[in-house]
Amino acid sequence: MTRDATGDDEITVSERTPLVGAPEDAASAWKPGHSRSSTLASIASLRNIRITTAHKASTVLGVFYVIVFIASAAGAFLTIPMTRIYEDILCHEYFDKAPGEPIDEETCKADAIQSRLAYLFAVLESLNAGLSCLVALLWGIVADRIGRKPVLAISSFGYVVYVLLIMIVGWFSAVLPARLVWIASAAHLFGGQPAMLSAIYSILSDVVPESNRSISFMRIHVTSMVGNLISPALASAMMSSTGPWPVMLLTFILYIIAAVSIVLIPETLSHRSDPSGDPESRHATFKSRALQGLNQLKDSLSIVRIRSIALILCICIVSLPVILCTFQFMVQFISKRYHIPLAETGYVQSLYGISHIVVVLLIIPFISALIVRPSLPRWLRVSDEKRRDLVLVRWSYAAYVAGPLILAVSPSLPVFVVGLVVMSLGSGSASFIKSIATSHVDPEHRSRLFTLMALVEMASSIWAMPALAGLFSLGMRLGGEWIGLPYLGVSFTCLIMLVLALFVQTPAGDRGDEESTPEQDSGAEHT
């Protein structure tokens, strides 16, 4: 039994409700004489399977915290061993040595090998982003049609397949070329990150009261950060003694655990299908939902006519390099530039994660409360929360400009870590820019605004990773301190973000939840 979206106890749909219209005897045991339709109906009904699921909002949140933590930890575990495995594969190919023949890791730091490795992962990330964007709208429609839980389960299964394909190509490197790892991107056709995040936030929105929704979202984000924080250090500790493959296997197991745990999550979508179960009616309903989704997308694009929203979307287009340069790319860059084993790079990632959490949980709340205090000098004080968010996002982008600049010119690893600490001061920029964007549109358009921003950010992955790989290869060819060229490029994109943010404005007047259209907001802003 599940609760409806309002939290009442009325039964809407249960784990034992048949997925298709089937007669009562459709759940009988398997018999040789059964037809295919009766067999499928028997499987769909699942009357003999009883799975206890969470119902209370607090319980659902607790289960989600566990799932998000495990999935985030798995994603962070994947980066370092995957980089080392494919670096070794490309190293054996470059020196024309048989797989399994030992090669010192330092030998694999040759510029040609590192350039190929950077491009290998750049194309992989671009394919992941492209395919995820391609199917994002479709899976959103499916989630509205059959439920959030199936889409979440399918997306989680896609990540399991993704890691499995990466492991297969890496394990059978003697017969499979390294570039075949790109086929793993096909697993993102199962939904990928946009579908998974959409399903998670949709379920939470269904079960959590609106008054607690933002807090719940923040806690989910912090849970994800904690998972990303501890995993790199643990991966480094494991790899130092076990090598990369046990860590890869642990990643695979963690993704499976996260996927299986979804059975504990209730379905929160209220199904109001045609009781007749007419296939033509169902087809018409799906078609109408698809058309409705396309119309909503067209309506969402009208938001772009608001000048500040257009500027914010431009910021989203160039914002991803500052995020990507701290994940897999940073692992490879640190190992190459400072001549340390890949197994030890996870400690640097964890230090950055600690700085990130300290900024988000301590520094940002303190500064946010401080600069609106009436007792503060006028030249430091801001008039209201909207103006505060705009000021803080500009300060965050200034930290993003300075941080990567330090990373680019740092002569040693300690100076590089200082650059990461400076860079972490911009950690709240994503929340601030979303808050500013929200103030420019009415409540009816806000969910569409977030979807549009997420798609723009995901689409920017298509160019961001290849750009970093290209600058990395160019820097190695130029030699010397030019190896820091990728982070100079990141600093430049952050400067663009800062300049664009200087032209973003707060809404004219206090709209609050005033019912207004994007056209009205646009006109108000330009007047």
Protein backbone atom coordinates (compact mmCIF):
# COMPACT_ATOMS: atom_id res chain seq x y z
CA MET A 1 0.00 0.00 0.00
CA THR A 2 1.25 3.50 -0.76
CA ARG A 3 0.10 6.94 0.22
CA ASP A 4 -1.10 9.41 -2.33
CA ALA A 5 0.67 12.70 -3.04
CA THR A 6 -1.05 14.44 -0.15
CA GLY A 7 0.08 11.87 2.38
CA ASP A 8 -3.44 10.47 3.05
CA ASP A 9 -3.97 6.81 3.78
CA GLU A 10 -6.19 6.11 0.79
CA ILE A 11 -4.95 3.21 -1.28
CA THR A 12 -3.96 4.19 -4.79
CA VAL A 13 -1.71 1.43 -6.03
CA SER A 14 0.23 -1.27 -4.22
CA GLU A 15 3.23 -3.44 -4.91
CA ARG A 16 0.83 -6.31 -5.59
CA THR A 17 -1.41 -4.44 -7.99
CA PRO A 18 -1.18 -6.06 -11.47
CA LEU A 19 0.82 -4.03 -13.93
CA VAL A 20 -1.50 -5.03 -16.78
CA GLY A 21 -5.16 -5.95 -16.86
CA ALA A 22 -5.12 -9.69 -16.14
CA PRO A 23 -7.78 -12.16 -15.00
CA GLU A 24 -7.72 -13.54 -11.49
CA ASP A 25 -6.27 -16.88 -12.55
CA ALA A 26 -3.40 -15.23 -14.37
CA ALA A 27 -1.18 -15.62 -11.34
CA SER A 28 -1.21 -19.40 -11.39
CA ALA A 29 2.02 -21.35 -11.49
CA TRP A 30 3.98 -21.99 -14.69
CA LYS A 31 2.45 -24.76 -16.82
CA PRO A 32 3.59 -26.08 -20.21
CA GLY A 33 0.19 -25.41 -21.73
CA HIS A 34 0.14 -21.72 -20.86
CA SER A 35 0.03 -19.27 -23.71
CA ARG A 36 2.47 -16.38 -23.92
CA SER A 37 -0.16 -13.82 -22.93
CA SER A 38 -1.19 -15.73 -19.83
CA THR A 39 2.44 -16.20 -18.85
CA LEU A 40 3.16 -12.48 -19.19
CA ALA A 41 0.05 -11.67 -17.19
CA SER A 42 1.16 -14.11 -14.52
CA ILE A 43 4.57 -12.46 -14.29
CA ALA A 44 3.07 -8.97 -14.29
CA SER A 45 0.63 -9.67 -11.48
CA LEU A 46 3.35 -10.80 -9.02
CA ARG A 47 0.67 -11.79 -6.49
CA ASN A 48 2.97 -14.25 -4.79
CA ILE A 49 5.66 -11.65 -4.08
CA ARG A 50 5.38 -9.42 -1.03
CA ILE A 51 7.83 -6.57 -0.66
CA THR A 52 7.61 -4.20 2.27
CA THR A 53 8.10 -0.60 1.20
CA ALA A 54 8.42 2.65 3.09
CA HIS A 55 5.37 4.88 3.44
CA LYS A 56 6.14 7.72 5.84
CA ALA A 57 7.97 10.73 4.44
CA SER A 58 10.72 10.43 7.04
CA THR A 59 11.20 6.74 6.21
CA VAL A 60 11.29 7.41 2.46
CA LEU A 61 13.86 10.15 3.06
CA GLY A 62 15.98 7.80 5.17
CA VAL A 63 15.96 5.16 2.43
CA PHE A 64 16.89 7.79 -0.15
CA TYR A 65 19.78 8.99 2.00
CA VAL A 66 21.16 5.46 2.01
CA ILE A 67 20.65 4.95 -1.73
CA VAL A 68 22.14 8.33 -2.69
CA PHE A 69 25.10 7.80 -0.36
CA ILE A 70 25.86 4.35 -1.83
CA ALA A 71 25.46 5.52 -5.43
CA SER A 72 27.62 8.62 -4.85
CA ALA A 73 30.30 6.54 -3.16
CA ALA A 74 30.23 4.09 -6.06
CA GLY A 75 30.63 6.89 -8.60
CA ALA A 76 33.61 8.29 -6.71
CA PHE A 77 35.16 4.83 -6.37
CA LEU A 78 34.99 4.39 -10.16
CA THR A 79 37.19 7.31 -11.20
CA ILE A 80 40.66 6.35 -9.94
CA PRO A 81 40.74 2.61 -10.78
CA MET A 82 39.17 3.18 -14.21
CA THR A 83 41.81 5.80 -15.00
CA ARG A 84 44.63 3.46 -13.94
CA ILE A 85 43.24 0.44 -15.83
CA TYR A 86 42.89 2.27 -19.13
CA GLU A 87 46.17 4.12 -18.68
CA ASP A 88 47.84 0.72 -18.39
CA ILE A 89 45.99 -0.58 -21.45
CA LEU A 90 47.05 2.39 -23.58
CA CYS A 91 50.57 2.09 -22.20
CA HIS A 92 50.83 -1.53 -23.35
CA GLU A 93 49.47 -0.57 -26.77
CA TYR A 94 51.93 2.32 -27.10
CA PHE A 95 54.99 0.22 -26.22
CA ASP A 96 53.60 -2.81 -28.08
CA LYS A 97 53.83 -5.11 -25.11
CA ALA A 98 51.67 -8.13 -24.36
CA PRO A 99 48.80 -7.60 -21.87
CA GLY A 100 49.82 -8.69 -18.41
CA GLU A 101 53.46 -7.84 -18.93
CA PRO A 102 54.37 -5.43 -16.10
CA ILE A 103 55.10 -1.79 -16.98
CA ASP A 104 56.09 0.78 -14.38
CA GLU A 105 53.36 3.38 -13.92
CA GLU A 106 55.81 6.26 -14.28
CA THR A 107 56.63 4.99 -17.77
CA CYS A 108 52.98 5.44 -18.68
CA LYS A 109 53.16 9.19 -18.01
CA ALA A 110 54.51 9.81 -21.52
CA ASP A 111 52.77 12.76 -23.19
CA ALA A 112 51.38 10.67 -26.07
CA ILE A 113 49.80 8.16 -23.69
CA GLN A 114 48.30 10.82 -21.44
CA SER A 115 46.89 12.66 -24.46
CA ARG A 116 45.19 9.48 -25.73
CA LEU A 117 43.86 8.76 -22.25
CA ALA A 118 42.40 12.27 -21.93
CA TYR A 119 40.66 12.01 -25.30
CA LEU A 120 39.39 8.50 -24.50
CA PHE A 121 37.53 9.72 -21.42
CA ALA A 122 36.54 13.01 -23.06
CA VAL A 123 34.67 11.19 -25.82
CA LEU A 124 33.14 8.83 -23.27
CA GLU A 125 31.79 11.72 -21.19
CA SER A 126 30.51 13.51 -24.29
CA LEU A 127 28.63 10.41 -25.42
CA ASN A 128 27.21 9.95 -21.92
CA ALA A 129 25.91 13.51 -21.89
CA GLY A 130 24.60 13.43 -25.46
CA LEU A 131 22.63 10.22 -25.02
CA SER A 132 21.28 11.32 -21.63
CA CYS A 133 19.98 14.57 -23.13
CA LEU A 134 18.52 12.70 -26.09
CA VAL A 135 16.27 10.51 -23.95
CA ALA A 136 15.63 12.91 -21.03
CA LEU A 137 12.22 14.09 -22.32
CA LEU A 138 11.12 10.55 -23.21
CA TRP A 139 11.89 9.19 -19.75
CA GLY A 140 10.14 12.18 -18.19
CA ILE A 141 6.99 11.23 -20.11
CA VAL A 142 7.39 7.59 -19.10
CA ALA A 143 7.71 8.62 -15.45
CA ASP A 144 4.43 10.52 -15.71
CA ARG A 145 2.78 7.55 -17.42
CA ILE A 146 3.89 4.45 -15.50
CA GLY A 147 5.44 5.93 -12.37
CA ARG A 148 8.61 7.36 -10.88
CA LYS A 149 9.82 4.14 -9.26
CA PRO A 150 10.16 2.11 -12.51
CA VAL A 151 12.12 4.94 -14.15
CA LEU A 152 14.39 5.22 -11.11
CA ALA A 153 14.96 1.46 -11.15
CA ILE A 154 15.68 1.38 -14.89
CA SER A 155 18.12 4.31 -14.61
CA SER A 156 19.93 2.60 -11.73
CA PHE A 157 20.11 -0.58 -13.77
CA GLY A 158 21.67 1.50 -16.56
CA TYR A 159 24.52 2.52 -14.27
CA VAL A 160 25.12 -1.13 -13.38
CA VAL A 161 25.34 -1.97 -17.09
CA TYR A 162 27.62 1.04 -17.66
CA VAL A 163 30.19 -0.12 -15.10
CA LEU A 164 29.89 -3.73 -16.28
CA LEU A 165 30.71 -2.77 -19.88
CA ILE A 166 33.69 -0.69 -18.73
CA MET A 167 34.97 -3.69 -16.77
CA ILE A 168 34.46 -6.11 -19.67
CA VAL A 169 36.41 -3.95 -22.13
CA GLY A 170 39.18 -3.43 -19.58
CA TRP A 171 39.42 -7.11 -18.60
CA PHE A 172 39.51 -8.40 -22.18
CA SER A 173 41.93 -5.74 -23.41
CA ALA A 174 43.95 -8.43 -25.20
CA VAL A 175 41.16 -8.84 -27.76
CA LEU A 176 39.08 -5.67 -27.34
CA PRO A 177 40.46 -2.22 -28.27
CA ALA A 178 40.33 0.44 -25.56
CA ARG A 179 38.07 2.65 -27.68
CA LEU A 180 35.36 0.03 -27.42
CA VAL A 181 34.73 1.43 -23.94
CA TRP A 182 32.71 4.12 -25.69
CA ILE A 183 29.96 1.55 -26.22
CA ALA A 184 29.33 1.72 -22.47
CA SER A 185 27.65 5.07 -23.12
CA ALA A 186 24.73 3.15 -24.63
CA ALA A 187 23.73 2.30 -21.05
CA HIS A 188 22.67 5.94 -20.65
CA LEU A 189 19.77 5.20 -23.00
CA PHE A 190 18.19 3.69 -19.89
CA GLY A 191 17.79 7.22 -18.58
CA GLY A 192 21.13 8.39 -17.27
CA GLN A 193 21.58 11.11 -14.68
CA PRO A 194 18.73 13.45 -15.76
CA ALA A 195 16.10 10.69 -15.54
CA MET A 196 17.46 9.45 -12.21
CA LEU A 197 17.56 12.90 -10.60
CA SER A 198 14.13 13.77 -11.99
CA ALA A 199 12.66 10.57 -10.52
CA ILE A 200 14.31 11.14 -7.13
CA TYR A 201 13.16 14.73 -6.80
CA SER A 202 9.68 13.86 -8.11
CA ILE A 203 9.25 11.15 -5.45
CA LEU A 204 10.49 13.48 -2.73
CA SER A 205 8.17 16.23 -3.96
CA ASP A 206 5.25 13.77 -3.76
CA VAL A 207 5.89 12.62 -0.18
CA VAL A 208 7.55 15.61 1.52
CA PRO A 209 5.46 18.66 2.52
CA GLU A 210 6.31 21.81 0.62
CA SER A 211 7.50 23.53 3.79
CA ASN A 212 10.26 20.92 4.24
CA ARG A 213 11.04 20.28 0.60
CA SER A 214 14.03 22.61 0.19
CA ILE A 215 15.62 21.25 3.38
CA SER A 216 15.15 17.68 2.13
CA PHE A 217 16.74 18.54 -1.19
CA MET A 218 19.70 20.13 0.59
CA ARG A 219 20.17 17.07 2.78
CA ILE A 220 20.13 14.82 -0.28
CA HIS A 221 22.83 17.05 -1.79
CA VAL A 222 24.93 16.91 1.37
CA THR A 223 24.53 13.12 1.50
CA SER A 224 25.85 12.94 -2.05
CA MET A 225 28.79 15.15 -1.13
CA VAL A 226 29.68 12.94 1.83
CA GLY A 227 29.66 9.87 -0.42
CA ASN A 228 31.92 11.66 -2.87
CA LEU A 229 34.14 12.81 0.00
CA ILE A 230 35.13 9.51 1.59
CA SER A 231 35.35 7.33 -1.52
CA PRO A 232 38.48 8.77 -3.21
CA ALA A 233 40.56 8.36 -0.06
CA LEU A 234 39.27 4.82 0.47
CA ALA A 235 39.91 4.03 -3.18
CA SER A 236 43.48 5.27 -2.83
CA ALA A 237 44.01 3.19 0.30
CA MET A 238 42.63 0.08 -1.38
CA MET A 239 44.53 0.52 -4.64
CA SER A 240 47.83 0.88 -2.83
CA SER A 241 47.47 -2.69 -1.55
CA THR A 242 45.07 -4.44 -3.92
CA GLY A 243 45.44 -2.74 -7.28
CA PRO A 244 42.59 -1.26 -9.36
CA TRP A 245 40.45 -4.31 -10.12
CA PRO A 246 39.15 -5.02 -6.58
CA VAL A 247 38.12 -1.37 -6.36
CA MET A 248 36.30 -1.66 -9.70
CA LEU A 249 34.51 -4.76 -8.41
CA LEU A 250 33.51 -2.89 -5.25
CA THR A 251 32.11 -0.10 -7.44
CA PHE A 252 30.04 -2.62 -9.39
CA ILE A 253 28.69 -4.21 -6.18
CA LEU A 254 27.78 -0.82 -4.68
CA TYR A 255 25.79 0.13 -7.80
CA ILE A 256 23.94 -3.21 -7.60
CA ILE A 257 23.12 -2.61 -3.92
CA ALA A 258 21.82 0.89 -4.72
CA ALA A 259 19.69 -0.46 -7.57
CA VAL A 260 18.23 -3.32 -5.51
CA SER A 261 17.44 -0.95 -2.62
CA ILE A 262 14.95 0.86 -4.83
CA VAL A 263 12.41 -1.91 -4.09
CA LEU A 264 12.05 -0.28 -0.66
CA ILE A 265 10.83 2.98 -2.24
CA PRO A 266 7.05 3.33 -2.76
CA GLU A 267 5.46 4.42 -6.00
CA THR A 268 4.11 7.93 -5.42
CA LEU A 269 2.42 8.62 -8.75
CA SER A 270 -1.39 8.42 -8.55
CA HIS A 271 -2.46 6.26 -11.48
CA ARG A 272 -5.69 7.31 -13.10
CA SER A 273 -5.66 5.05 -16.10
CA ASP A 274 -8.77 4.13 -18.06
CA PRO A 275 -10.48 1.37 -16.03
CA SER A 276 -11.51 -0.42 -19.19
CA GLY A 277 -7.86 -1.14 -19.93
CA ASP A 278 -8.48 -0.47 -23.62
CA PRO A 279 -5.09 -0.55 -25.43
CA GLU A 280 -6.22 2.14 -27.88
CA SER A 281 -7.21 4.38 -24.99
CA ARG A 282 -3.84 3.83 -23.36
CA HIS A 283 -2.06 4.60 -26.62
CA ALA A 284 -4.09 7.79 -26.96
CA THR A 285 -3.22 8.76 -23.41
CA PHE A 286 0.49 8.22 -24.03
CA LYS A 287 0.29 10.19 -27.27
CA SER A 288 -1.54 13.03 -25.55
CA ARG A 289 1.09 13.08 -22.79
CA ALA A 290 3.85 13.19 -25.37
CA LEU A 291 2.19 16.11 -27.13
CA GLN A 292 1.62 17.80 -23.79
CA GLY A 293 5.30 17.37 -22.96
CA LEU A 294 6.32 18.93 -26.27
CA ASN A 295 3.92 21.83 -25.73
CA GLN A 296 5.35 22.36 -22.25
CA LEU A 297 8.85 22.35 -23.70
CA LYS A 298 7.80 25.00 -26.22
CA ASP A 299 6.23 27.03 -23.43
CA SER A 300 9.40 26.63 -21.37
CA LEU A 301 11.46 28.19 -24.13
CA SER A 302 9.44 31.41 -23.72
CA ILE A 303 11.26 31.85 -20.39
CA VAL A 304 14.44 32.57 -22.35
CA ARG A 305 12.96 35.92 -23.40
CA ILE A 306 13.61 37.18 -19.87
CA ARG A 307 17.01 38.84 -20.13
CA SER A 308 18.38 37.65 -16.78
CA ILE A 309 17.15 34.10 -17.44
CA ALA A 310 18.90 34.14 -20.82
CA LEU A 311 22.11 35.31 -19.13
CA ILE A 312 21.78 32.57 -16.47
CA LEU A 313 21.36 29.92 -19.16
CA CYS A 314 24.50 31.26 -20.85
CA ILE A 315 26.27 30.87 -17.51
CA CYS A 316 25.03 27.27 -17.35
CA ILE A 317 26.50 26.60 -20.80
CA VAL A 318 30.03 27.50 -19.66
CA SER A 319 29.79 26.36 -16.03
CA LEU A 320 30.58 22.67 -16.41
CA PRO A 321 34.38 22.81 -16.94
CA VAL A 322 34.82 24.10 -13.37
CA ILE A 323 33.04 20.97 -12.14
CA LEU A 324 34.59 18.42 -14.50
CA CYS A 325 38.13 19.62 -13.83
CA THR A 326 37.86 18.37 -10.23
CA PHE A 327 36.87 14.76 -11.04
CA GLN A 328 38.49 12.24 -13.42
CA PHE A 329 40.49 14.91 -15.23
CA MET A 330 42.11 16.15 -12.01
CA VAL A 331 43.15 12.60 -11.12
CA GLN A 332 45.03 12.26 -14.40
CA PHE A 333 46.43 15.81 -14.26
CA ILE A 334 47.85 15.50 -10.73
CA SER A 335 49.45 12.15 -11.47
CA LYS A 336 51.07 13.46 -14.66
CA ARG A 337 52.22 16.88 -13.43
CA TYR A 338 53.48 15.99 -9.96
CA HIS A 339 54.63 12.44 -10.76
CA ILE A 340 52.60 10.67 -8.09
CA PRO A 341 50.83 7.31 -8.51
CA LEU A 342 47.17 7.40 -9.44
CA ALA A 343 46.45 5.42 -6.28
CA GLU A 344 47.44 8.44 -4.17
CA THR A 345 45.39 11.07 -6.00
CA GLY A 346 42.24 10.19 -4.08
CA TYR A 347 43.59 11.88 -0.96
CA VAL A 348 43.73 15.20 -2.84
CA GLN A 349 40.15 14.73 -4.03
CA SER A 350 39.02 14.07 -0.47
CA LEU A 351 40.73 17.24 0.75
CA TYR A 352 38.79 19.18 -1.86
CA GLY A 353 35.61 17.42 -0.75
CA ILE A 354 36.22 18.42 2.88
CA SER A 355 36.73 22.05 1.83
CA HIS A 356 33.54 21.87 -0.24
CA ILE A 357 31.46 20.60 2.68
CA VAL A 358 32.91 23.15 5.13
CA VAL A 359 32.04 25.96 2.73
CA VAL A 360 28.49 24.71 2.07
CA LEU A 361 27.58 23.85 5.66
CA LEU A 362 29.47 26.52 7.64
CA ILE A 363 30.92 29.43 5.69
CA ILE A 364 28.05 30.12 3.27
CA PRO A 365 25.29 30.07 5.94
CA PHE A 366 27.38 32.38 8.16
CA ILE A 367 28.08 34.90 5.38
CA SER A 368 24.48 34.70 4.12
CA ALA A 369 23.17 35.67 7.53
CA LEU A 370 25.90 38.25 8.15
CA ILE A 371 25.56 40.48 5.09
CA VAL A 372 21.84 41.15 5.62
CA ARG A 373 22.24 42.27 9.25
CA PRO A 374 21.12 45.90 9.79
CA SER A 375 24.08 46.49 12.12
CA LEU A 376 26.57 45.86 9.31
CA PRO A 377 28.14 48.93 7.61
CA ARG A 378 26.14 50.08 4.61
CA TRP A 379 28.98 49.41 2.16
CA LEU A 380 28.95 45.73 3.17
CA ARG A 381 25.23 45.24 3.82
CA VAL A 382 22.72 44.14 1.17
CA SER A 383 19.08 45.18 1.23
CA ASP A 384 17.30 41.81 0.90
CA GLU A 385 17.74 38.09 0.22
CA LYS A 386 17.45 38.41 -3.56
CA ARG A 387 20.18 41.03 -3.70
CA ARG A 388 22.21 38.89 -1.28
CA ASP A 389 22.09 35.89 -3.62
CA LEU A 390 23.23 38.05 -6.53
CA VAL A 391 26.16 39.46 -4.54
CA LEU A 392 27.21 36.03 -3.27
CA VAL A 393 27.07 34.40 -6.69
CA ARG A 394 29.40 37.10 -8.03
CA TRP A 395 31.80 36.52 -5.14
CA SER A 396 31.59 32.78 -5.83
CA TYR A 397 32.51 33.27 -9.48
CA ALA A 398 35.42 35.50 -8.44
CA ALA A 399 36.69 32.60 -6.27
CA TYR A 400 36.25 30.31 -9.28
CA VAL A 401 38.40 32.64 -11.38
CA ALA A 402 41.19 32.75 -8.78
CA GLY A 403 41.17 29.05 -7.83
CA PRO A 404 41.84 27.50 -11.26
CA LEU A 405 44.41 30.24 -11.94
CA ILE A 406 46.38 29.05 -8.89
CA LEU A 407 45.97 25.44 -10.07
CA ALA A 408 47.35 26.34 -13.48
CA VAL A 409 50.57 27.93 -12.19
CA SER A 410 51.13 25.88 -9.01
CA PRO A 411 54.72 24.57 -8.97
CA SER A 412 54.04 21.92 -6.32
CA LEU A 413 51.22 19.79 -4.98
CA PRO A 414 50.77 21.81 -1.74
CA VAL A 415 50.21 24.98 -3.78
CA PHE A 416 47.76 23.02 -5.95
CA VAL A 417 45.82 22.08 -2.80
CA VAL A 418 45.72 25.77 -1.81
CA GLY A 419 44.16 26.50 -5.20
CA LEU A 420 41.52 23.84 -4.56
CA VAL A 421 40.68 25.43 -1.20
CA VAL A 422 40.27 28.84 -2.87
CA MET A 423 38.18 27.22 -5.59
CA SER A 424 35.91 25.59 -3.00
CA LEU A 425 34.79 29.06 -1.87
CA GLY A 426 32.63 29.13 -4.98
CA SER A 427 30.79 25.94 -4.02
CA GLY A 428 27.49 27.70 -3.36
CA SER A 429 27.25 29.31 -6.79
CA ALA A 430 24.86 26.69 -8.20
CA SER A 431 22.35 27.21 -5.39
CA PHE A 432 22.59 31.00 -5.62
CA ILE A 433 22.09 31.11 -9.39
CA LYS A 434 19.06 28.80 -9.15
CA SER A 435 17.58 31.02 -6.45
CA ILE A 436 18.07 34.10 -8.62
CA ALA A 437 16.53 32.37 -11.64
CA THR A 438 13.53 31.27 -9.56
CA SER A 439 12.77 34.85 -8.53
CA HIS A 440 12.27 35.83 -12.18
CA VAL A 441 9.47 33.37 -13.00
CA ASP A 442 6.11 32.48 -11.50
CA PRO A 443 5.65 29.16 -9.65
CA GLU A 444 4.00 27.52 -12.65
CA HIS A 445 7.20 27.82 -14.71
CA ARG A 446 9.81 27.04 -12.05
CA SER A 447 9.98 23.28 -12.53
CA ARG A 448 10.34 23.81 -16.27
CA LEU A 449 13.07 26.35 -15.61
CA PHE A 450 15.04 23.82 -13.55
CA THR A 451 14.58 21.18 -16.26
CA LEU A 452 15.83 23.61 -18.90
CA MET A 453 18.85 24.55 -16.78
CA ALA A 454 19.67 20.90 -16.14
CA LEU A 455 19.48 20.04 -19.84
CA VAL A 456 21.71 23.00 -20.76
CA GLU A 457 24.29 21.97 -18.17
CA MET A 458 24.19 18.36 -19.33
CA ALA A 459 24.49 19.39 -22.97
CA SER A 460 27.59 21.44 -22.13
CA SER A 461 29.32 18.17 -21.19
CA ILE A 462 29.46 17.43 -24.90
CA TRP A 463 32.09 20.13 -25.42
CA ALA A 464 33.57 20.61 -21.94
CA MET A 465 35.56 17.37 -21.62
CA PRO A 466 36.95 17.44 -25.18
CA ALA A 467 38.02 21.06 -24.55
CA LEU A 468 39.89 20.07 -21.39
CA ALA A 469 41.51 17.14 -23.20
CA GLY A 470 42.55 19.37 -26.10
CA LEU A 471 44.10 21.99 -23.81
CA PHE A 472 45.85 19.25 -21.85
CA SER A 473 47.40 17.80 -25.01
CA LEU A 474 48.40 21.26 -26.24
CA GLY A 475 49.97 22.10 -22.87
CA MET A 476 52.05 18.91 -22.91
CA ARG A 477 53.25 19.68 -26.44
CA LEU A 478 54.27 23.21 -25.42
CA GLY A 479 56.06 21.80 -22.38
CA GLY A 480 57.09 23.32 -19.07
CA GLU A 481 54.51 25.31 -17.13
CA TRP A 482 52.15 25.23 -20.10
CA ILE A 483 50.92 21.89 -18.82
CA GLY A 484 48.59 23.97 -16.62
CA LEU A 485 46.82 25.29 -19.75
CA PRO A 486 43.56 23.36 -19.04
CA TYR A 487 43.10 25.20 -15.76
CA LEU A 488 43.86 28.50 -17.44
CA GLY A 489 40.99 27.65 -19.76
CA VAL A 490 38.76 26.87 -16.79
CA SER A 491 39.70 30.19 -15.18
CA PHE A 492 38.78 31.96 -18.42
CA THR A 493 35.34 30.30 -18.56
CA CYS A 494 34.80 31.34 -14.94
CA LEU A 495 35.70 34.90 -15.90
CA ILE A 496 32.98 34.72 -18.56
CA MET A 497 30.55 33.53 -15.89
CA LEU A 498 31.52 36.46 -13.65
CA VAL A 499 31.07 39.00 -16.46
CA LEU A 500 27.65 37.56 -17.35
CA ALA A 501 26.63 37.62 -13.68
CA LEU A 502 27.43 41.34 -13.51
CA PHE A 503 24.56 41.94 -15.97
CA VAL A 504 22.08 39.69 -14.18
CA GLN A 505 19.54 41.70 -12.20
CA THR A 506 17.08 40.99 -9.43
CA PRO A 507 13.39 41.27 -10.43
CA ALA A 508 11.91 44.75 -10.50
CA GLY A 509 9.71 44.77 -7.40
CA ASP A 510 8.90 41.88 -5.11
CA ARG A 511 7.09 39.28 -7.15
CA GLY A 512 7.18 36.53 -4.58
CA ASP A 513 4.59 34.01 -5.70
CA GLU A 514 2.72 36.50 -7.80
CA GLU A 515 1.00 34.81 -10.71
CA SER A 516 2.72 36.22 -13.74
CA THR A 517 3.78 34.90 -17.07
CA PRO A 518 7.29 34.89 -18.44
CA GLU A 519 6.20 37.57 -20.88
CA GLN A 520 5.08 39.81 -18.02
CA ASP A 521 8.32 39.19 -16.16
CA SER A 522 10.29 40.02 -19.26
CA GLY A 523 8.42 43.23 -19.80
CA ALA A 524 8.88 44.22 -16.18
CA GLU A 525 12.58 43.58 -16.33
CA HIS A 526 13.17 45.66 -19.44
CA THR A 527 11.14 48.61 -18.25
